[in-house]
């Protein structure tokens, strides 16, 4: 759903929504879901394969450290209250570009960019890449940079993953069109060490 790479191997980092295999080869294990024969990650972590029992899981290792201002985080929007989005963060990249697994919530409050005088939305269920702009018990997140924003979203009509259809997004199943504040690599997410957004960029 994010980066369709069913050939991913153990020790490869995956994000929530990444396609990690097919049900013809493996049974979904921990942090993996089966959707119409394709296996998707439900967490930020490393692929773990049990070739004897044919089980595919995603292993997480939550860290006690919290990211700092300027670090890049990956998560899913779980709540929208009067324009303030709550994001469940599953991983972050520090200023050196190293990835860390983590579990906390953050808030997106700032404007998300405009097109035709309309604020571009992010919706509950969207997966986002954001930057820590203010630390605290509930860190504040920003997504103004072109490389920040929604990296994967589902159709509001039929829940199929949306694809890019400039200037917005389109459902390949029902042709429903939507707008989001998307990251520049929407649909083919690049992690920091793979040439994606630089940690600490605005």
Protein backbone atom coordinates (compact mmCIF):
# COMPACT_ATOMS: atom_id res chain seq x y z
CA UNK A 1 0.00 0.00 0.00
CA UNK A 2 2.86 2.38 0.69
CA UNK A 3 5.81 0.89 -1.15
CA UNK A 4 4.76 -2.25 -2.95
CA UNK A 5 7.76 -4.45 -2.46
CA UNK A 6 6.52 -7.99 -1.69
CA UNK A 7 10.08 -9.24 -2.03
CA UNK A 8 11.22 -7.50 1.13
CA UNK A 9 13.52 -9.59 3.30
CA UNK A 10 14.11 -9.92 7.05
CA UNK A 11 15.90 -6.93 8.63
CA UNK A 12 14.14 -4.62 6.16
CA UNK A 13 12.29 -1.75 7.83
CA UNK A 14 8.63 -1.48 6.86
CA UNK A 15 5.96 1.09 7.62
CA UNK A 16 2.28 0.59 8.45
CA UNK A 17 0.54 -0.10 5.15
CA UNK A 18 3.57 -1.55 3.35
CA UNK A 19 2.87 -4.67 1.28
CA UNK A 20 5.11 -7.41 2.72
CA UNK A 21 3.95 -10.61 1.03
CA UNK A 22 1.06 -12.69 -0.30
CA UNK A 23 -1.24 -15.13 1.49
CA UNK A 24 -0.36 -17.90 -0.98
CA UNK A 25 3.09 -18.05 0.61
CA UNK A 26 2.59 -17.00 4.25
CA UNK A 27 -0.04 -16.79 6.95
CA UNK A 28 -0.30 -13.33 8.55
CA UNK A 29 1.32 -13.21 11.97
CA UNK A 30 1.76 -10.43 14.49
CA UNK A 31 1.33 -6.90 13.09
CA UNK A 32 0.38 -8.23 9.63
CA UNK A 33 -3.04 -8.18 7.95
CA UNK A 34 -4.40 -10.10 4.96
CA UNK A 35 -6.38 -7.98 2.50
CA UNK A 36 -7.62 -9.84 -0.56
CA UNK A 37 -4.61 -12.13 -0.70
CA UNK A 38 -1.98 -9.49 -0.03
CA UNK A 39 -0.20 -9.12 3.31
CA UNK A 40 0.28 -5.64 4.76
CA UNK A 41 2.26 -4.37 7.71
CA UNK A 42 0.28 -2.90 10.61
CA UNK A 43 3.33 -1.51 12.40
CA UNK A 44 6.71 0.14 11.98
CA UNK A 45 9.41 -2.54 12.34
CA UNK A 46 11.32 -5.36 10.70
CA UNK A 47 9.97 -8.30 8.72
CA UNK A 48 10.17 -11.63 10.54
CA UNK A 49 9.58 -14.85 8.57
CA UNK A 50 8.96 -18.30 10.04
CA UNK A 51 9.60 -20.56 7.04
CA UNK A 52 8.75 -23.73 8.97
CA UNK A 53 5.25 -22.59 9.94
CA UNK A 54 4.98 -20.21 6.99
CA UNK A 55 4.11 -17.24 9.19
CA UNK A 56 5.09 -13.69 8.31
CA UNK A 57 5.19 -11.07 11.07
CA UNK A 58 6.51 -7.57 11.68
CA UNK A 59 8.71 -7.33 14.74
CA UNK A 60 8.68 -4.06 16.64
CA UNK A 61 11.01 -2.89 19.37
CA UNK A 62 9.60 0.21 20.95
CA UNK A 63 12.27 2.54 22.35
CA UNK A 64 12.04 4.54 25.56
CA UNK A 65 13.72 7.53 23.92
CA UNK A 66 11.52 10.25 22.52
CA UNK A 67 12.30 12.12 19.32
CA UNK A 68 13.45 15.72 19.45
CA UNK A 69 12.52 18.88 17.60
CA UNK A 70 13.47 18.51 13.94
CA UNK A 71 13.21 14.72 13.85
CA UNK A 72 11.00 13.12 11.17
CA UNK A 73 8.20 10.81 12.32
CA UNK A 74 5.89 8.31 10.62
CA UNK A 75 2.39 7.57 11.87
CA UNK A 76 -1.35 7.27 11.27
CA UNK A 77 -4.03 9.87 11.91
CA UNK A 78 -6.40 8.40 14.51
CA UNK A 79 -8.56 11.39 15.43
CA UNK A 80 -9.70 14.75 14.07
CA UNK A 81 -11.16 17.26 16.49
CA UNK A 82 -12.00 20.73 15.16
CA UNK A 83 -9.15 20.67 12.68
CA UNK A 84 -6.55 19.29 15.11
CA UNK A 85 -5.34 15.82 14.09
CA UNK A 86 -4.04 13.25 16.55
CA UNK A 87 -1.33 11.03 15.06
CA UNK A 88 -0.26 7.65 16.44
CA UNK A 89 3.48 7.62 15.74
CA UNK A 90 5.21 4.28 15.16
CA UNK A 91 8.69 5.36 14.10
CA UNK A 92 11.01 8.32 13.66
CA UNK A 93 14.25 9.28 11.94
CA UNK A 94 16.82 11.29 13.85
CA UNK A 95 19.01 14.03 12.36
CA UNK A 96 21.54 11.41 11.24
CA UNK A 97 18.83 9.62 9.25
CA UNK A 98 18.76 6.57 11.54
CA UNK A 99 15.35 4.94 12.03
CA UNK A 100 13.91 4.16 15.45
CA UNK A 101 10.75 2.31 16.45
CA UNK A 102 8.61 4.15 18.98
CA UNK A 103 5.03 4.55 20.17
CA UNK A 104 3.50 7.90 21.13
CA UNK A 105 0.87 10.38 19.97
CA UNK A 106 1.42 13.81 18.45
CA UNK A 107 -0.79 16.65 17.18
CA UNK A 108 -0.94 18.47 13.86
CA UNK A 109 -2.28 21.99 14.36
CA UNK A 110 -0.61 24.17 11.74
CA UNK A 111 -1.96 25.02 8.27
CA UNK A 112 -1.29 22.30 5.72
CA UNK A 113 -0.97 24.36 2.55
CA UNK A 114 -3.66 25.65 0.21
CA UNK A 115 -4.89 25.11 -3.31
CA UNK A 116 -7.53 27.41 -4.78
CA UNK A 117 -7.94 29.04 -1.37
CA UNK A 118 -8.88 25.73 0.23
CA UNK A 119 -6.89 24.09 3.02
CA UNK A 120 -5.69 20.69 1.82
CA UNK A 121 -6.98 18.05 4.24
CA UNK A 122 -5.60 15.06 6.04
CA UNK A 123 -8.16 12.55 7.24
CA UNK A 124 -8.49 9.90 9.94
CA UNK A 125 -6.78 6.73 8.69
CA UNK A 126 -4.19 8.55 6.58
CA UNK A 127 -0.54 7.59 7.03
CA UNK A 128 1.72 10.63 7.32
CA UNK A 129 5.33 11.69 7.48
CA UNK A 130 5.74 14.75 9.72
CA UNK A 131 8.37 16.74 11.59
CA UNK A 132 8.55 17.42 15.31
CA UNK A 133 8.18 21.20 15.63
CA UNK A 134 7.55 21.40 19.38
CA UNK A 135 8.41 18.93 22.13
CA UNK A 136 6.22 18.12 25.13
CA UNK A 137 4.02 15.41 26.62
CA UNK A 138 2.15 15.43 23.30
CA UNK A 139 4.60 16.72 20.66
CA UNK A 140 3.38 19.06 17.94
CA UNK A 141 3.95 17.92 14.36
CA UNK A 142 4.34 19.87 11.13
CA UNK A 143 3.78 18.80 7.52
CA UNK A 144 4.35 22.00 5.53
CA UNK A 145 7.45 20.83 3.62
CA UNK A 146 6.83 19.27 0.19
CA UNK A 147 8.41 16.03 1.44
CA UNK A 148 6.05 15.89 4.42
CA UNK A 149 2.37 15.03 4.55
CA UNK A 150 0.20 12.07 3.62
CA UNK A 151 2.17 9.12 2.23
CA UNK A 152 -0.76 6.72 1.89
CA UNK A 153 -4.53 7.17 2.06
CA UNK A 154 -7.61 5.04 1.49
CA UNK A 155 -10.61 5.97 -0.62
CA UNK A 156 -13.37 7.49 1.50
CA UNK A 157 -15.90 5.66 -0.65
CA UNK A 158 -14.60 2.07 -0.97
CA UNK A 159 -11.39 1.99 1.16
CA UNK A 160 -9.10 1.13 -1.76
CA UNK A 161 -5.62 2.73 -1.57
CA UNK A 162 -5.64 6.01 -3.50
CA UNK A 163 -3.17 6.71 -6.30
CA UNK A 164 -1.79 10.03 -7.53
CA UNK A 165 -3.89 11.79 -10.14
CA UNK A 166 -2.61 15.40 -10.30
CA UNK A 167 -3.55 17.72 -8.85
CA UNK A 168 -5.01 15.29 -6.30
CA UNK A 169 -5.65 11.59 -5.67
CA UNK A 170 -7.91 9.07 -7.37
CA UNK A 171 -9.34 5.69 -6.45
CA UNK A 172 -8.37 3.06 -9.05
CA UNK A 173 -11.42 1.02 -8.06
CA UNK A 174 -14.35 3.46 -8.08
CA UNK A 175 -12.73 6.56 -9.71
CA UNK A 176 -13.60 8.71 -6.68
CA UNK A 177 -11.31 11.75 -6.53
CA UNK A 178 -10.00 13.32 -3.32
CA UNK A 179 -7.60 16.00 -2.12
CA UNK A 180 -4.88 15.60 0.51
CA UNK A 181 -1.77 17.45 1.63
CA UNK A 182 0.49 14.72 0.21
CA UNK A 183 4.23 14.16 0.50
CA UNK A 184 6.24 14.38 -2.72
CA UNK A 185 6.85 10.61 -2.68
CA UNK A 186 3.23 9.62 -2.00
CA UNK A 187 2.68 5.94 -2.79
CA UNK A 188 6.38 5.06 -3.09
CA UNK A 189 7.68 6.04 0.33
CA UNK A 190 11.43 6.52 0.64
CA UNK A 191 12.85 6.15 4.12
CA UNK A 192 15.60 8.64 5.12
CA UNK A 193 18.51 6.28 4.45
CA UNK A 194 16.98 5.44 1.05
CA UNK A 195 17.09 8.99 -0.24
CA UNK A 196 13.83 10.33 1.16
CA UNK A 197 13.24 13.44 3.25
CA UNK A 198 16.26 14.63 5.22
CA UNK A 199 15.69 14.66 8.95
CA UNK A 200 15.48 18.18 10.19
CA UNK A 201 14.30 19.71 6.91
CA UNK A 202 11.38 22.11 6.95
